[in-house]
Amino acid sequence: MDRRVEPSLAPVAAPSPADAPQLEPFQHSKALSLGVELELQLVNTHDYDLAPYSAEMLRLMEKIPLPGSVVPEMTSSMIEISTGVCQSCNEVLEQLSPIRDALVRCADKLNIACVGGGTHPFQQWHEQRIYDRPRFRQLSELYGYLSKQFTIFGQHVHVGCPDADSALLMLHRMSRYIPHFIALSASSPFVQGQDTQFDSARLNSVFAFPMSGRAPFTLSWDDFGKFFAKTTRTGVVKSMKDFYWDIRPKPEYGTIEIRVFDTPLTVERAAALAGFVQSLAAWFLQEQPFMPQEDDYMVYTYNRFQACRFGLEAVYVEPATGTHLPLREHILRTLDQVEPHARGLGAAGAIDTLRQSADRGANDARWLRETQARERLLAETVRQAAERFRGRAASR
């Protein structure tokens, strides 16, 4: 399955009712199937700044038979890899690992390196080049300097849903756990050479774009279709690809797509995060633990901010009760709740990995800060992150 995200330009004038775009039917997919996308940094091996080598990397990579796909991104110092349809987080890792290994070999031939992380610590946005593709040039014309500032790097996780209404129910249940996803994946503390004091500064850039934030609270595909029709009639949106929500339905795949993860420093952690999503989804489908409400979103923005700012040290407000507690405590409680489902999916190792991280308050943002505190040179921090992506450093 092609997991590519293809945002499109909004039309200049509102379409007539007869020409208004139609919401795609929700396609069949196997419940709990997974797909993962990773946006990665390309850096030179001289000063470890971003390097505009995606075209050269793609030419080398297209000669290598691999699962999934490798495609360009908005600027020429980015590249995106994705899996095909997977049934477990172990299969996700089995697909990401050979793609990672091939990327590393190709990068070595070009004297560059591939790196994870949600932001490059010291790149200058105005130096970035828009990748030469008509869609990217059009987006650059529309969004101006925001296009280059969008040189940020995320992980997207798709999870299969049995039908359209189940997908919306899954989406709104999953929204309670957006802070958990952010804190566990956070890997973007540095921007433009400065410690932002955020564990995930990347998501601050996402909010600059129209149609970002949260999906509307609808629990039936018919009602969602009515929302879509109203929105497309304005001419602001012409397809689902124009919504940059934290979680959005992907009817063409039969999935929901979670978009708040920073790209981890290792593919192993990326697979573990996918295992957490799948385990949560299994818990929702099999136990129906709660019904989401519109009022859940009263604390959504606050919880999201806390997780971006403080990571695993954030405060979490339980939507149903208003209780304030450490986010780490709620993450650990959630991991215990989903563990029986994780065992059935072969994701027990993923849950254990994330439990250890939460126990120690250790995410990739902490690793980057600790490395920078020791080395006192951001270029060296990026070099060590590149080694970590290669698999030479011990994984968590």
Protein backbone atom coordinates (compact mmCIF):
# COMPACT_ATOMS: atom_id res chain seq x y z
CA MET A 1 0.00 0.00 0.00
CA ASP A 2 1.30 3.46 -0.87
CA ARG A 3 1.32 5.43 2.38
CA ARG A 4 2.36 8.64 0.68
CA VAL A 5 0.78 11.84 1.98
CA GLU A 6 -0.02 14.17 -0.93
CA PRO A 7 -1.22 17.60 0.22
CA SER A 8 -2.73 19.65 -2.57
CA LEU A 9 -3.33 23.30 -3.33
CA ALA A 10 -6.69 24.80 -2.51
CA PRO A 11 -8.53 26.15 -5.54
CA VAL A 12 -8.70 29.88 -6.22
CA ALA A 13 -12.49 29.96 -6.44
CA ALA A 14 -15.12 27.87 -4.71
CA PRO A 15 -16.41 25.03 -6.89
CA SER A 16 -20.02 24.90 -7.97
CA PRO A 17 -22.13 22.26 -6.16
CA ALA A 18 -22.02 20.04 -9.23
CA ASP A 19 -18.22 20.19 -9.34
CA ALA A 20 -17.63 19.91 -5.58
CA PRO A 21 -15.19 17.13 -4.65
CA GLN A 22 -16.74 13.98 -3.25
CA LEU A 23 -15.59 12.18 -0.14
CA GLU A 24 -13.94 8.91 -1.12
CA PRO A 25 -15.62 5.68 0.02
CA PHE A 26 -13.91 4.09 2.99
CA GLN A 27 -11.99 1.14 1.58
CA HIS A 28 -11.68 -2.26 3.19
CA SER A 29 -8.50 -2.99 5.14
CA LYS A 30 -7.64 -5.65 7.66
CA ALA A 31 -8.36 -4.39 11.17
CA LEU A 32 -5.15 -3.59 13.09
CA SER A 33 -2.91 -3.72 10.01
CA LEU A 34 -0.06 -1.20 10.15
CA GLY A 35 1.83 1.11 7.84
CA VAL A 36 4.67 3.44 8.87
CA GLU A 37 6.27 6.46 7.18
CA LEU A 38 9.51 8.09 8.36
CA GLU A 39 10.83 11.46 7.19
CA LEU A 40 14.62 11.50 7.51
CA GLN A 41 17.40 14.07 7.44
CA LEU A 42 20.26 14.02 4.93
CA VAL A 43 23.42 15.63 6.31
CA ASN A 44 26.92 16.10 4.96
CA THR A 45 29.83 14.48 6.78
CA HIS A 46 31.89 17.67 6.93
CA ASP A 47 29.96 19.82 9.39
CA TYR A 48 26.79 17.67 9.65
CA ASP A 49 24.50 20.40 8.33
CA LEU A 50 21.63 19.40 6.06
CA ALA A 51 22.71 18.46 2.53
CA PRO A 52 20.49 18.72 -0.61
CA TYR A 53 21.16 15.19 -1.88
CA SER A 54 17.71 13.61 -2.02
CA ALA A 55 17.72 13.36 -5.84
CA GLU A 56 21.06 11.54 -5.81
CA MET A 57 19.87 9.25 -3.01
CA LEU A 58 16.70 8.39 -4.90
CA ARG A 59 18.68 7.52 -8.04
CA LEU A 60 20.82 5.09 -6.06
CA MET A 61 17.93 3.66 -4.06
CA GLU A 62 15.74 2.93 -7.09
CA LYS A 63 18.22 0.26 -8.17
CA ILE A 64 17.75 -1.72 -4.95
CA PRO A 65 14.70 -4.01 -4.54
CA LEU A 66 13.17 -3.23 -1.17
CA PRO A 67 9.84 -3.46 0.65
CA GLY A 68 7.82 -0.27 0.90
CA SER A 69 8.96 2.89 -0.86
CA VAL A 70 11.47 5.75 -0.79
CA VAL A 71 10.27 9.14 -2.04
CA PRO A 72 11.28 12.83 -1.96
CA GLU A 73 9.91 15.38 0.45
CA MET A 74 9.35 19.15 0.32
CA THR A 75 13.01 20.17 0.53
CA SER A 76 16.02 18.48 -1.01
CA SER A 77 17.62 17.62 2.33
CA MET A 78 14.76 15.31 3.28
CA ILE A 79 13.77 11.83 2.22
CA GLU A 80 10.78 9.69 3.21
CA ILE A 81 10.71 5.93 3.63
CA SER A 82 7.60 3.86 4.18
CA THR A 83 6.59 0.27 4.74
CA GLY A 84 3.97 -1.67 2.89
CA VAL A 85 1.00 -3.11 4.76
CA CYS A 86 2.24 -4.92 7.86
CA GLN A 87 0.44 -7.13 10.38
CA SER A 88 2.71 -6.50 13.37
CA CYS A 89 5.35 -4.15 14.68
CA ASN A 90 7.88 -6.93 14.14
CA GLU A 91 7.01 -6.90 10.45
CA VAL A 92 7.34 -3.10 10.47
CA LEU A 93 10.89 -3.50 11.76
CA GLU A 94 11.59 -6.26 9.24
CA GLN A 95 10.70 -3.82 6.46
CA LEU A 96 12.29 -0.67 7.89
CA SER A 97 15.62 -2.37 8.68
CA PRO A 98 16.65 -3.27 5.11
CA ILE A 99 15.49 0.13 3.86
CA ARG A 100 17.61 1.75 6.58
CA ASP A 101 20.61 -0.41 5.67
CA ALA A 102 20.26 0.47 1.98
CA LEU A 103 19.97 4.17 2.81
CA VAL A 104 23.15 4.01 4.87
CA ARG A 105 25.07 2.26 2.06
CA CYS A 106 23.89 4.79 -0.53
CA ALA A 107 24.64 7.72 1.76
CA ASP A 108 28.17 6.42 2.31
CA LYS A 109 28.74 6.49 -1.46
CA LEU A 110 27.76 10.17 -1.48
CA ASN A 111 29.75 11.08 1.65
CA ILE A 112 26.57 12.03 3.47
CA ALA A 113 24.63 10.47 6.35
CA CYS A 114 21.01 9.78 7.28
CA VAL A 115 19.70 10.93 10.63
CA GLY A 116 16.49 10.63 12.63
CA GLY A 117 15.09 13.32 14.89
CA GLY A 118 12.20 15.74 14.49
CA THR A 119 14.34 18.79 13.67
CA HIS A 120 17.89 19.37 12.51
CA PRO A 121 19.55 21.16 15.44
CA PHE A 122 21.21 24.05 13.59
CA GLN A 123 20.11 24.22 9.93
CA GLN A 124 19.05 27.61 8.58
CA TRP A 125 15.64 27.38 6.93
CA HIS A 126 16.38 30.05 4.30
CA GLU A 127 19.22 27.92 2.90
CA GLN A 128 16.93 24.98 2.07
CA ARG A 129 16.01 24.14 -1.52
CA ILE A 130 12.52 23.13 -2.59
CA TYR A 131 12.64 19.71 -4.28
CA ASP A 132 12.08 20.10 -8.02
CA ARG A 133 8.60 18.69 -8.42
CA PRO A 134 5.56 20.67 -9.67
CA ARG A 135 3.49 19.99 -6.53
CA PHE A 136 6.29 21.15 -4.23
CA ARG A 137 6.83 24.30 -6.29
CA GLN A 138 3.11 25.06 -6.11
CA LEU A 139 3.05 24.54 -2.37
CA SER A 140 6.06 26.82 -2.03
CA GLU A 141 4.23 29.52 -3.98
CA LEU A 142 1.21 29.12 -1.72
CA TYR A 143 2.92 28.92 1.67
CA GLY A 144 5.99 31.09 1.03
CA TYR A 145 8.72 30.84 3.65
CA LEU A 146 6.65 28.34 5.67
CA SER A 147 7.50 25.72 3.04
CA LYS A 148 11.20 25.92 3.87
CA GLN A 149 10.52 26.19 7.58
CA PHE A 150 8.62 22.92 7.18
CA THR A 151 11.98 21.15 6.94
CA ILE A 152 10.93 19.06 9.92
CA PHE A 153 10.75 15.31 10.27
CA GLY A 154 7.91 13.14 11.53
CA GLN A 155 6.72 9.57 11.78
CA HIS A 156 3.20 8.70 10.60
CA VAL A 157 1.48 5.51 11.68
CA HIS A 158 -1.54 4.07 9.85
CA VAL A 159 -3.74 1.49 11.55
CA GLY A 160 -6.42 -0.47 9.73
CA CYS A 161 -10.07 -0.17 10.82
CA PRO A 162 -12.91 -2.60 10.09
CA ASP A 163 -15.25 0.07 8.66
CA ALA A 164 -15.74 3.81 8.34
CA ASP A 165 -17.74 4.38 11.55
CA SER A 166 -15.23 2.27 13.50
CA ALA A 167 -12.45 4.45 12.08
CA LEU A 168 -14.01 7.64 13.44
CA LEU A 169 -14.61 6.04 16.82
CA MET A 170 -11.01 4.85 16.80
CA LEU A 171 -9.77 8.32 15.83
CA HIS A 172 -11.50 10.06 18.73
CA ARG A 173 -10.49 7.41 21.24
CA MET A 174 -6.90 7.65 20.02
CA SER A 175 -6.99 11.44 20.51
CA ARG A 176 -6.85 11.02 24.27
CA TYR A 177 -3.39 9.49 23.78
CA ILE A 178 -1.87 12.18 21.59
CA PRO A 179 0.24 13.45 24.56
CA HIS A 180 1.55 9.91 25.11
CA PHE A 181 2.63 9.64 21.48
CA ILE A 182 4.30 13.06 21.55
CA ALA A 183 6.21 12.47 24.79
CA LEU A 184 7.44 8.99 23.85
CA SER A 185 8.62 10.07 20.37
CA ALA A 186 9.87 13.60 21.15
CA SER A 187 13.21 14.22 19.44
CA SER A 188 13.26 17.91 18.46
CA PRO A 189 14.65 20.02 21.32
CA PHE A 190 17.00 22.12 19.15
CA VAL A 191 16.04 24.63 16.44
CA GLN A 192 18.35 27.09 14.64
CA GLY A 193 21.18 26.29 17.06
CA GLN A 194 19.16 26.91 20.21
CA ASP A 195 17.64 24.68 22.88
CA THR A 196 13.97 25.58 22.56
CA GLN A 197 13.15 24.13 26.02
CA PHE A 198 10.56 22.01 24.21
CA ASP A 199 11.02 18.26 23.89
CA SER A 200 9.07 18.44 20.61
CA ALA A 201 9.53 21.84 18.98
CA ARG A 202 8.64 20.31 15.61
CA LEU A 203 4.91 20.42 16.25
CA ASN A 204 5.00 24.19 16.76
CA SER A 205 5.76 24.47 13.03
CA VAL A 206 2.79 22.31 12.09
CA PHE A 207 0.32 24.70 13.73
CA ALA A 208 1.35 27.45 11.31
CA PHE A 209 -0.49 25.65 8.51
CA PRO A 210 -4.21 26.01 7.81
CA MET A 211 -6.44 23.03 8.58
CA SER A 212 -4.09 21.72 11.28
CA GLY A 213 -5.21 20.72 14.78
CA ARG A 214 -7.94 18.19 15.53
CA ALA A 215 -10.61 16.50 13.47
CA PRO A 216 -14.28 17.50 13.97
CA PHE A 217 -16.19 15.39 16.46
CA THR A 218 -18.29 13.11 14.29
CA LEU A 219 -18.87 9.41 14.96
CA SER A 220 -20.61 8.40 11.73
CA TRP A 221 -19.23 8.48 8.20
CA ASP A 222 -22.47 10.08 7.00
CA ASP A 223 -21.98 13.02 9.38
CA PHE A 224 -18.33 13.25 8.43
CA GLY A 225 -19.39 13.36 4.79
CA LYS A 226 -21.67 16.32 5.57
CA PHE A 227 -18.75 18.15 7.22
CA PHE A 228 -16.57 17.38 4.21
CA ALA A 229 -19.22 18.69 1.83
CA LYS A 230 -19.57 21.96 3.76
CA THR A 231 -15.80 22.44 3.82
CA THR A 232 -15.25 21.70 0.15
CA ARG A 233 -18.06 24.07 -0.83
CA THR A 234 -15.95 26.93 0.57
CA GLY A 235 -13.15 26.12 -1.88
CA VAL A 236 -10.62 25.98 0.98
CA VAL A 237 -10.35 22.20 0.76
CA LYS A 238 -10.64 19.93 -2.25
CA SER A 239 -9.59 16.57 -0.82
CA MET A 240 -8.79 14.79 2.45
CA LYS A 241 -5.14 15.49 1.73
CA ASP A 242 -5.69 19.15 2.60
CA PHE A 243 -6.43 18.35 6.25
CA TYR A 244 -3.28 18.43 8.40
CA TRP A 245 -4.96 17.15 11.55
CA ASP A 246 -3.05 15.33 14.27
CA ILE A 247 -5.07 12.23 13.34
CA ARG A 248 -7.07 11.95 10.14
CA PRO A 249 -9.03 9.21 8.40
CA LYS A 250 -7.53 7.88 5.20
CA PRO A 251 -10.53 6.40 3.38
CA GLU A 252 -8.50 5.32 0.35
CA TYR A 253 -6.52 2.97 2.62
CA GLY A 254 -9.19 2.04 5.16
CA THR A 255 -7.06 3.45 7.98
CA ILE A 256 -6.62 6.30 10.38
CA GLU A 257 -3.26 8.08 10.23
CA ILE A 258 -1.56 9.40 13.38
CA ARG A 259 0.78 12.28 12.53
CA VAL A 260 2.16 13.71 15.79
CA PHE A 261 5.24 11.52 16.26
CA ASP A 262 8.68 13.07 15.84
CA THR A 263 10.91 10.81 13.76
CA PRO A 264 12.78 8.66 16.29
CA LEU A 265 16.56 8.30 16.21
CA THR A 266 16.29 4.57 15.42
CA VAL A 267 14.00 2.40 13.34
CA GLU A 268 13.66 0.09 16.34
CA ARG A 269 11.95 2.83 18.30
CA ALA A 270 9.77 3.69 15.32
CA ALA A 271 8.58 0.07 15.23
CA ALA A 272 7.95 0.08 19.00
CA LEU A 273 5.76 3.17 18.68
CA ALA A 274 3.79 1.45 15.92
CA GLY A 275 3.35 -1.53 18.25
CA PHE A 276 1.91 0.79 20.91
CA VAL A 277 -0.59 2.22 18.42
CA GLN A 278 -1.64 -1.26 17.32
CA SER A 279 -2.02 -2.45 20.92
CA LEU A 280 -4.16 0.56 21.79
CA ALA A 281 -6.31 -0.06 18.72
CA ALA A 282 -6.81 -3.71 19.72
CA TRP A 283 -7.83 -2.62 23.23
CA PHE A 284 -10.36 -0.20 21.76
CA LEU A 285 -11.84 -2.73 19.34
CA GLN A 286 -11.99 -5.66 21.72
CA GLU A 287 -12.94 -4.01 25.03
CA GLN A 288 -14.60 -0.71 24.02
CA PRO A 289 -13.12 0.83 27.21
CA PHE A 290 -14.83 4.24 26.92
CA MET A 291 -16.92 6.38 24.61
CA PRO A 292 -15.24 9.57 23.43
CA GLN A 293 -17.08 12.86 23.91
CA GLU A 294 -16.78 16.32 22.41
CA ASP A 295 -15.88 17.52 25.92
CA ASP A 296 -12.70 15.40 25.75
CA TYR A 297 -11.29 18.14 23.56
CA MET A 298 -11.63 20.80 26.28
CA VAL A 299 -8.20 19.69 27.59
CA TYR A 300 -6.79 18.52 24.26
CA THR A 301 -4.72 21.60 23.42
CA TYR A 302 -3.43 21.90 26.99
CA ASN A 303 -2.36 18.25 27.12
CA ARG A 304 -0.77 18.53 23.69
CA PHE A 305 1.21 21.62 24.74
CA GLN A 306 2.36 19.98 27.98
CA ALA A 307 3.69 16.96 26.11
CA CYS A 308 5.48 19.10 23.51
CA ARG A 309 7.02 21.34 26.15
CA PHE A 310 7.92 18.89 28.90
CA GLY A 311 7.87 15.46 27.24
CA LEU A 312 7.69 12.65 29.78
CA GLU A 313 7.75 15.20 32.63
CA ALA A 314 4.46 16.75 31.46
CA VAL A 315 1.22 17.04 33.40
CA TYR A 316 -1.75 15.16 31.93
CA VAL A 317 -5.37 16.13 32.54
CA GLU A 318 -7.72 13.15 32.25
CA PRO A 319 -10.50 14.28 29.90
CA ALA A 320 -13.29 12.38 31.66
CA THR A 321 -12.52 13.41 35.26
CA GLY A 322 -10.35 16.52 35.04
CA THR A 323 -7.78 14.83 37.30
CA HIS A 324 -4.23 16.17 36.97
CA LEU A 325 -1.43 13.62 37.16
CA PRO A 326 2.07 13.09 35.75
CA LEU A 327 1.92 12.04 32.11
CA ARG A 328 4.51 9.33 32.84
CA GLU A 329 2.11 7.79 35.36
CA HIS A 330 -0.72 7.74 32.81
CA ILE A 331 1.56 6.27 30.14
CA LEU A 332 2.60 3.45 32.47
CA ARG A 333 -1.02 2.79 33.41
CA THR A 334 -1.98 2.70 29.72
CA LEU A 335 0.86 0.31 28.87
CA ASP A 336 -0.40 -2.04 31.59
CA GLN A 337 -3.92 -1.85 30.17
CA VAL A 338 -2.88 -2.71 26.63
CA GLU A 339 -0.22 -5.31 27.48
CA PRO A 340 -2.54 -8.35 27.17
CA HIS A 341 -3.47 -7.22 23.68
CA ALA A 342 0.17 -6.51 22.86
CA ARG A 343 1.10 -10.08 23.76
CA GLY A 344 -1.50 -11.40 21.33
CA LEU A 345 -0.09 -9.17 18.59
CA GLY A 346 3.56 -10.01 19.23
CA ALA A 347 4.14 -6.46 20.51
CA ALA A 348 5.08 -7.26 24.12
CA GLY A 349 8.70 -6.29 23.43
CA ALA A 350 7.59 -2.92 22.06
CA ILE A 351 5.51 -2.23 25.16
CA ASP A 352 8.41 -3.22 27.42
CA THR A 353 10.76 -0.88 25.52
CA LEU A 354 8.39 2.05 25.98
CA ARG A 355 7.74 1.14 29.61
CA GLN A 356 11.47 1.34 30.33
CA SER A 357 11.61 4.76 28.65
CA ALA A 358 8.68 6.06 30.68
CA ASP A 359 10.11 4.61 33.90
CA ARG A 360 13.38 6.48 33.37
CA GLY A 361 11.89 9.60 31.79
CA ALA A 362 14.15 8.88 28.82
CA ASN A 363 13.11 9.83 25.29
CA ASP A 364 15.22 10.82 22.28
CA ALA A 365 15.01 14.52 23.22
CA ARG A 366 16.77 13.67 26.49
CA TRP A 367 19.43 11.68 24.61
CA LEU A 368 20.09 14.65 22.31
CA ARG A 369 20.33 17.08 25.21
CA GLU A 370 22.63 14.80 27.20
CA THR A 371 24.86 14.28 24.16
CA GLN A 372 25.04 18.02 23.52
CA ALA A 373 25.80 18.75 27.19
CA ARG A 374 28.70 16.29 27.01
CA GLU A 375 30.08 17.28 23.59
CA ARG A 376 29.22 21.01 23.56
CA LEU A 377 29.03 20.94 19.77
CA LEU A 378 25.80 20.42 17.88
CA ALA A 379 27.61 19.05 14.83
CA GLU A 380 29.06 16.28 17.00
CA THR A 381 25.60 15.60 18.44
CA VAL A 382 24.27 15.17 14.88
CA ARG A 383 27.22 12.90 14.00
CA GLN A 384 26.45 10.65 16.95
CA ALA A 385 22.75 10.66 16.05
CA ALA A 386 23.75 9.50 12.55
CA GLU A 387 25.74 6.66 14.11
CA ARG A 388 22.72 5.80 16.22
CA PHE A 389 20.52 5.60 13.12
CA ARG A 390 23.04 3.23 11.54
CA GLY A 391 22.55 0.91 14.50
CA ARG A 392 26.07 1.28 15.88
CA ALA A 393 24.91 2.73 19.19
CA ALA A 394 23.10 0.57 21.73
CA SER A 395 19.34 0.95 21.36
CA ARG A 396 17.06 1.55 24.28
